[in-house]
Amino acid sequence: MSTDNLNELRIDLARRSKWNVGYFAAGFLYWSFAAAVGSLLPVPAAKLYWLIGTFFIFPLAVLLSRLLRADPFTSGNALGNLLGITHVGLIYLLFPLIIVFFLYLPEALPLALAICFGASFVVFFWAFGSALFLWHIIIRVVGATIIWFAMPEYRYSLLPAFVAALYLATALVIPAQRRAWLGSHGAGGALP
């Protein structure tokens, strides 16, 4: 694939998917829910809500994408297909690990979810051509890990709240970053 074709695919992906802003909005809602649950319930009860809540992220992301007029699937775009396969594939591959944490180490479930559900963001960085996604996951893993080890009394409230805040910040930054990226790649003009 030539760099011209890759640039065309990235431009199409940026225009249609809007850099998956609906997924980041859904992530914010899930992690806000996880923070509330972790603040209000003991871990044996909270772990069930944390796990069940993960099954609502994808439908909510699709709904929010539609409301934001983003095409979450970008069918026909090879990079869109790569993003979908990578993200879903990694979640399926890592879900047995999540179940192990759920059953045997539930107090570490928020940390495991924060790391595992962001593993595909490195591919987002490459596919979208923006370091925003790489910085998101680096800050997320480092911050969640620091909270986990340095502030054990806040593992169930601050850790999910931190991830929620990071999702919100990313979702708010995406539109401006996307416009700037499109402009710098010769794809300015009227944006959808």
C-alpha atoms as a PDB file:
ATOM      1  CA  MET A   1       0.000   0.000   0.000  1.00  0.00           C
ATOM      2  CA  SER A   2       1.398   3.373  -0.932  1.00  0.00           C
ATOM      3  CA  THR A   3       1.486   6.251   1.526  1.00  0.00           C
ATOM      4  CA  ASP A   4      -1.010   8.078  -0.709  1.00  0.00           C
ATOM      5  CA  ASN A   5      -3.486   5.207  -0.314  1.00  0.00           C
ATOM      6  CA  LEU A   6      -2.860   5.084   3.438  1.00  0.00           C
ATOM      7  CA  ASN A   7      -3.451   8.838   3.678  1.00  0.00           C
ATOM      8  CA  GLU A   8      -6.699   8.496   1.685  1.00  0.00           C
ATOM      9  CA  LEU A   9      -7.889   5.701   3.984  1.00  0.00           C
ATOM     10  CA  ARG A  10      -7.030   7.767   7.065  1.00  0.00           C
ATOM     11  CA  ILE A  11      -8.865  10.806   5.679  1.00  0.00           C
ATOM     12  CA  ASP A  12     -11.942   8.694   4.911  1.00  0.00           C
ATOM     13  CA  LEU A  13     -11.734   7.128   8.372  1.00  0.00           C
ATOM     14  CA  ALA A  14     -11.403  10.524  10.060  1.00  0.00           C
ATOM     15  CA  ARG A  15     -14.354  11.923   8.137  1.00  0.00           C
ATOM     16  CA  ARG A  16     -16.733   9.005   8.584  1.00  0.00           C
ATOM     17  CA  SER A  17     -15.790   7.562  11.986  1.00  0.00           C
ATOM     18  CA  LYS A  18     -15.003  10.941  13.539  1.00  0.00           C
ATOM     19  CA  TRP A  19     -12.167   9.104  15.299  1.00  0.00           C
ATOM     20  CA  ASN A  20     -14.653   6.936  17.199  1.00  0.00           C
ATOM     21  CA  VAL A  21     -15.780   9.780  19.424  1.00  0.00           C
ATOM     22  CA  GLY A  22     -18.937   7.785  20.297  1.00  0.00           C
ATOM     23  CA  TYR A  23     -16.791   5.027  21.778  1.00  0.00           C
ATOM     24  CA  PHE A  24     -14.926   7.512  23.939  1.00  0.00           C
ATOM     25  CA  ALA A  25     -18.223   9.001  25.137  1.00  0.00           C
ATOM     26  CA  ALA A  26     -19.448   5.478  26.000  1.00  0.00           C
ATOM     27  CA  GLY A  27     -16.172   4.821  27.815  1.00  0.00           C
ATOM     28  CA  PHE A  28     -16.720   7.955  29.873  1.00  0.00           C
ATOM     29  CA  LEU A  29     -20.224   6.793  30.856  1.00  0.00           C
ATOM     30  CA  TYR A  30     -19.092   3.269  31.742  1.00  0.00           C
ATOM     31  CA  TRP A  31     -16.156   4.431  33.867  1.00  0.00           C
ATOM     32  CA  SER A  32     -18.318   7.055  35.601  1.00  0.00           C
ATOM     33  CA  PHE A  33     -20.734   4.235  36.442  1.00  0.00           C
ATOM     34  CA  ALA A  34     -17.803   2.070  37.617  1.00  0.00           C
ATOM     35  CA  ALA A  35     -16.570   4.885  39.880  1.00  0.00           C
ATOM     36  CA  ALA A  36     -20.022   5.341  41.414  1.00  0.00           C
ATOM     37  CA  VAL A  37     -20.406   1.598  41.970  1.00  0.00           C
ATOM     38  CA  GLY A  38     -16.904   1.353  43.469  1.00  0.00           C
ATOM     39  CA  SER A  39     -17.644   4.239  45.816  1.00  0.00           C
ATOM     40  CA  LEU A  40     -20.979   2.885  47.018  1.00  0.00           C
ATOM     41  CA  LEU A  41     -20.681  -0.903  47.098  1.00  0.00           C
ATOM     42  CA  PRO A  42     -18.277  -3.405  48.594  1.00  0.00           C
ATOM     43  CA  VAL A  43     -16.062  -5.229  46.064  1.00  0.00           C
ATOM     44  CA  PRO A  44     -18.049  -8.520  46.098  1.00  0.00           C
ATOM     45  CA  ALA A  45     -21.151  -6.636  44.909  1.00  0.00           C
ATOM     46  CA  ALA A  46     -19.333  -4.035  42.807  1.00  0.00           C
ATOM     47  CA  LYS A  47     -17.470  -6.650  40.749  1.00  0.00           C
ATOM     48  CA  LEU A  48     -20.749  -7.945  39.337  1.00  0.00           C
ATOM     49  CA  TYR A  49     -21.836  -4.461  38.244  1.00  0.00           C
ATOM     50  CA  TRP A  50     -18.400  -3.713  36.804  1.00  0.00           C
ATOM     51  CA  LEU A  51     -18.506  -6.876  34.707  1.00  0.00           C
ATOM     52  CA  ILE A  52     -22.133  -6.602  33.594  1.00  0.00           C
ATOM     53  CA  GLY A  53     -21.604  -2.954  32.714  1.00  0.00           C
ATOM     54  CA  THR A  54     -18.926  -3.910  30.184  1.00  0.00           C
ATOM     55  CA  PHE A  55     -21.581  -5.579  28.031  1.00  0.00           C
ATOM     56  CA  PHE A  56     -23.359  -2.233  27.619  1.00  0.00           C
ATOM     57  CA  ILE A  57     -20.320  -0.314  26.345  1.00  0.00           C
ATOM     58  CA  PHE A  58     -20.551  -1.462  22.720  1.00  0.00           C
ATOM     59  CA  PRO A  59     -24.307  -0.872  22.200  1.00  0.00           C
ATOM     60  CA  LEU A  60     -24.000   2.491  23.941  1.00  0.00           C
ATOM     61  CA  ALA A  61     -20.987   3.380  21.767  1.00  0.00           C
ATOM     62  CA  VAL A  62     -22.941   2.571  18.606  1.00  0.00           C
ATOM     63  CA  LEU A  63     -25.929   4.611  19.806  1.00  0.00           C
ATOM     64  CA  LEU A  64     -23.765   7.605  20.751  1.00  0.00           C
ATOM     65  CA  SER A  65     -21.892   7.351  17.450  1.00  0.00           C
ATOM     66  CA  ARG A  66     -25.175   7.522  15.577  1.00  0.00           C
ATOM     67  CA  LEU A  67     -26.294  10.518  17.650  1.00  0.00           C
ATOM     68  CA  LEU A  68     -22.976  12.231  16.876  1.00  0.00           C
ATOM     69  CA  ARG A  69     -23.400  11.351  13.175  1.00  0.00           C
ATOM     70  CA  ALA A  70     -20.309   9.189  13.167  1.00  0.00           C
ATOM     71  CA  ASP A  71     -20.096   5.918  11.271  1.00  0.00           C
ATOM     72  CA  PRO A  72     -18.713   3.542  13.903  1.00  0.00           C
ATOM     73  CA  PHE A  73     -18.030   0.767  11.380  1.00  0.00           C
ATOM     74  CA  THR A  74     -16.729   2.698   8.323  1.00  0.00           C
ATOM     75  CA  SER A  75     -17.512  -0.272   6.115  1.00  0.00           C
ATOM     76  CA  GLY A  76     -15.380  -0.549   3.016  1.00  0.00           C
ATOM     77  CA  ASN A  77     -12.427   1.184   4.672  1.00  0.00           C
ATOM     78  CA  ALA A  78      -9.578  -1.267   5.336  1.00  0.00           C
ATOM     79  CA  LEU A  79      -8.369   0.755   8.338  1.00  0.00           C
ATOM     80  CA  GLY A  80     -11.880   0.772   9.802  1.00  0.00           C
ATOM     81  CA  ASN A  81     -11.972  -3.002   9.409  1.00  0.00           C
ATOM     82  CA  LEU A  82      -8.544  -3.256  11.074  1.00  0.00           C
ATOM     83  CA  LEU A  83      -9.723  -1.149  14.017  1.00  0.00           C
ATOM     84  CA  GLY A  84     -12.857  -3.227  14.491  1.00  0.00           C
ATOM     85  CA  ILE A  85     -11.086  -6.564  14.236  1.00  0.00           C
ATOM     86  CA  THR A  86      -8.248  -5.486  16.513  1.00  0.00           C
ATOM     87  CA  HIS A  87     -10.427  -3.919  19.194  1.00  0.00           C
ATOM     88  CA  VAL A  88     -13.007  -6.704  19.330  1.00  0.00           C
ATOM     89  CA  GLY A  89     -10.328  -9.364  18.900  1.00  0.00           C
ATOM     90  CA  LEU A  90      -8.266  -8.085  21.803  1.00  0.00           C
ATOM     91  CA  ILE A  91     -11.318  -7.806  24.038  1.00  0.00           C
ATOM     92  CA  TYR A  92     -12.306 -11.412  23.222  1.00  0.00           C
ATOM     93  CA  LEU A  93      -8.740 -12.645  23.710  1.00  0.00           C
ATOM     94  CA  LEU A  94      -8.323 -10.815  27.010  1.00  0.00           C
ATOM     95  CA  PHE A  95     -11.798 -11.576  28.388  1.00  0.00           C
ATOM     96  CA  PRO A  96     -10.698 -14.900  29.945  1.00  0.00           C
ATOM     97  CA  LEU A  97      -8.154 -12.865  31.925  1.00  0.00           C
ATOM     98  CA  ILE A  98     -10.961 -10.525  33.016  1.00  0.00           C
ATOM     99  CA  ILE A  99     -12.963 -13.564  34.183  1.00  0.00           C
ATOM    100  CA  VAL A 100      -9.944 -14.776  36.195  1.00  0.00           C
ATOM    101  CA  PHE A 101      -9.768 -11.386  37.908  1.00  0.00           C
ATOM    102  CA  PHE A 102     -13.541 -11.415  38.446  1.00  0.00           C
ATOM    103  CA  LEU A 103     -13.433 -14.850  40.106  1.00  0.00           C
ATOM    104  CA  TYR A 104     -10.114 -14.892  41.939  1.00  0.00           C
ATOM    105  CA  LEU A 105      -8.863 -11.316  42.343  1.00  0.00           C
ATOM    106  CA  PRO A 106     -11.906  -9.017  42.102  1.00  0.00           C
ATOM    107  CA  GLU A 107     -10.159  -6.162  43.882  1.00  0.00           C
ATOM    108  CA  ALA A 108      -7.857  -5.879  40.837  1.00  0.00           C
ATOM    109  CA  LEU A 109     -10.712  -5.940  38.304  1.00  0.00           C
ATOM    110  CA  PRO A 110     -10.768  -2.138  37.742  1.00  0.00           C
ATOM    111  CA  LEU A 111      -7.033  -2.139  36.967  1.00  0.00           C
ATOM    112  CA  ALA A 112      -7.387  -5.125  34.641  1.00  0.00           C
ATOM    113  CA  LEU A 113     -10.312  -3.522  32.805  1.00  0.00           C
ATOM    114  CA  ALA A 114      -8.482  -0.200  32.489  1.00  0.00           C
ATOM    115  CA  ILE A 115      -5.501  -1.893  30.860  1.00  0.00           C
ATOM    116  CA  CYS A 116      -7.126  -4.698  28.848  1.00  0.00           C
ATOM    117  CA  PHE A 117      -9.892  -2.624  27.291  1.00  0.00           C
ATOM    118  CA  GLY A 118      -7.359  -0.083  26.060  1.00  0.00           C
ATOM    119  CA  ALA A 119      -4.859  -2.525  24.541  1.00  0.00           C
ATOM    120  CA  SER A 120      -6.039  -1.781  20.994  1.00  0.00           C
ATOM    121  CA  PHE A 121      -5.395   1.959  21.294  1.00  0.00           C
ATOM    122  CA  VAL A 122      -1.894   1.460  19.936  1.00  0.00           C
ATOM    123  CA  VAL A 123      -3.546   0.348  16.683  1.00  0.00           C
ATOM    124  CA  PHE A 124      -5.855   3.383  16.867  1.00  0.00           C
ATOM    125  CA  PHE A 125      -2.737   5.549  17.016  1.00  0.00           C
ATOM    126  CA  TRP A 126      -1.396   3.982  13.821  1.00  0.00           C
ATOM    127  CA  ALA A 127      -4.700   3.753  11.929  1.00  0.00           C
ATOM    128  CA  PHE A 128      -5.871   7.281  12.719  1.00  0.00           C
ATOM    129  CA  GLY A 129      -2.382   8.719  12.346  1.00  0.00           C
ATOM    130  CA  SER A 130      -2.671  10.711  15.573  1.00  0.00           C
ATOM    131  CA  ALA A 131      -0.627  10.431  18.763  1.00  0.00           C
ATOM    132  CA  LEU A 132      -3.739  11.394  20.768  1.00  0.00           C
ATOM    133  CA  PHE A 133      -4.702   7.733  21.071  1.00  0.00           C
ATOM    134  CA  LEU A 134      -1.221   6.590  22.055  1.00  0.00           C
ATOM    135  CA  TRP A 135      -1.030   9.282  24.740  1.00  0.00           C
ATOM    136  CA  HIS A 136      -4.489   8.287  25.997  1.00  0.00           C
ATOM    137  CA  ILE A 137      -3.452   4.698  26.679  1.00  0.00           C
ATOM    138  CA  ILE A 138      -0.016   5.584  28.048  1.00  0.00           C
ATOM    139  CA  ILE A 139      -1.510   8.078  30.519  1.00  0.00           C
ATOM    140  CA  ARG A 140      -4.301   5.636  31.341  1.00  0.00           C
ATOM    141  CA  VAL A 141      -2.036   2.685  32.130  1.00  0.00           C
ATOM    142  CA  VAL A 142       0.513   4.755  34.046  1.00  0.00           C
ATOM    143  CA  GLY A 143      -2.148   6.678  35.998  1.00  0.00           C
ATOM    144  CA  ALA A 144      -4.245   3.613  36.832  1.00  0.00           C
ATOM    145  CA  THR A 145      -1.138   1.711  37.917  1.00  0.00           C
ATOM    146  CA  ILE A 146       0.055   4.563  40.128  1.00  0.00           C
ATOM    147  CA  ILE A 147      -3.363   4.862  41.754  1.00  0.00           C
ATOM    148  CA  TRP A 148      -3.491   1.093  42.234  1.00  0.00           C
ATOM    149  CA  PHE A 149      -0.150   0.862  44.027  1.00  0.00           C
ATOM    150  CA  ALA A 150       0.195   4.278  45.673  1.00  0.00           C
ATOM    151  CA  MET A 151      -3.392   4.834  46.823  1.00  0.00           C
ATOM    152  CA  PRO A 152      -4.942   1.460  47.650  1.00  0.00           C
ATOM    153  CA  GLU A 153      -7.779   3.073  49.610  1.00  0.00           C
ATOM    154  CA  TYR A 154      -8.942   4.781  46.372  1.00  0.00           C
ATOM    155  CA  ARG A 155      -8.674   1.812  43.996  1.00  0.00           C
ATOM    156  CA  TYR A 156     -12.422   1.468  43.547  1.00  0.00           C
ATOM    157  CA  SER A 157     -13.389   5.118  43.301  1.00  0.00           C
ATOM    158  CA  LEU A 158     -10.436   7.209  42.128  1.00  0.00           C
ATOM    159  CA  LEU A 159      -9.070   4.694  39.609  1.00  0.00           C
ATOM    160  CA  PRO A 160     -12.357   4.434  37.645  1.00  0.00           C
ATOM    161  CA  ALA A 161     -12.920   8.193  38.052  1.00  0.00           C
ATOM    162  CA  PHE A 162      -9.451   8.834  36.617  1.00  0.00           C
ATOM    163  CA  VAL A 163     -10.177   6.619  33.596  1.00  0.00           C
ATOM    164  CA  ALA A 164     -13.581   8.319  33.160  1.00  0.00           C
ATOM    165  CA  ALA A 165     -11.943  11.758  33.239  1.00  0.00           C
ATOM    166  CA  LEU A 166      -9.388  10.638  30.671  1.00  0.00           C
ATOM    167  CA  TYR A 167     -12.145   9.327  28.372  1.00  0.00           C
ATOM    168  CA  LEU A 168     -14.023  12.612  28.755  1.00  0.00           C
ATOM    169  CA  ALA A 169     -10.918  14.688  28.034  1.00  0.00           C
ATOM    170  CA  THR A 170     -10.167  12.576  24.951  1.00  0.00           C
ATOM    171  CA  ALA A 171     -13.760  12.807  23.705  1.00  0.00           C
ATOM    172  CA  LEU A 172     -13.684  16.600  24.129  1.00  0.00           C
ATOM    173  CA  VAL A 173     -10.312  16.954  22.387  1.00  0.00           C
ATOM    174  CA  ILE A 174     -11.121  14.648  19.452  1.00  0.00           C
ATOM    175  CA  PRO A 175     -13.197  17.137  17.378  1.00  0.00           C
ATOM    176  CA  ALA A 176     -10.542  19.877  17.385  1.00  0.00           C
ATOM    177  CA  GLN A 177      -7.665  17.421  16.910  1.00  0.00           C
ATOM    178  CA  ARG A 178      -9.528  15.714  14.083  1.00  0.00           C
ATOM    179  CA  ARG A 179     -10.220  19.032  12.319  1.00  0.00           C
ATOM    180  CA  ALA A 180      -6.576  20.063  12.676  1.00  0.00           C
ATOM    181  CA  TRP A 181      -5.404  16.669  11.442  1.00  0.00           C
ATOM    182  CA  LEU A 182      -7.702  16.795   8.419  1.00  0.00           C
ATOM    183  CA  GLY A 183      -6.536  20.331   7.663  1.00  0.00           C
ATOM    184  CA  SER A 184      -2.873  19.340   7.859  1.00  0.00           C
ATOM    185  CA  HIS A 185      -3.498  16.407   5.517  1.00  0.00           C
ATOM    186  CA  GLY A 186      -5.114  18.509   2.818  1.00  0.00           C
ATOM    187  CA  ALA A 187      -8.625  17.383   3.666  1.00  0.00           C
ATOM    188  CA  GLY A 188      -9.990  20.591   5.155  1.00  0.00           C
ATOM    189  CA  GLY A 189     -13.132  22.231   3.949  1.00  0.00           C
ATOM    190  CA  ALA A 190     -16.591  21.305   5.110  1.00  0.00           C
ATOM    191  CA  LEU A 191     -16.429  18.506   7.644  1.00  0.00           C
ATOM    192  CA  PRO A 192     -19.327  16.187   8.300  1.00  0.00           C
END
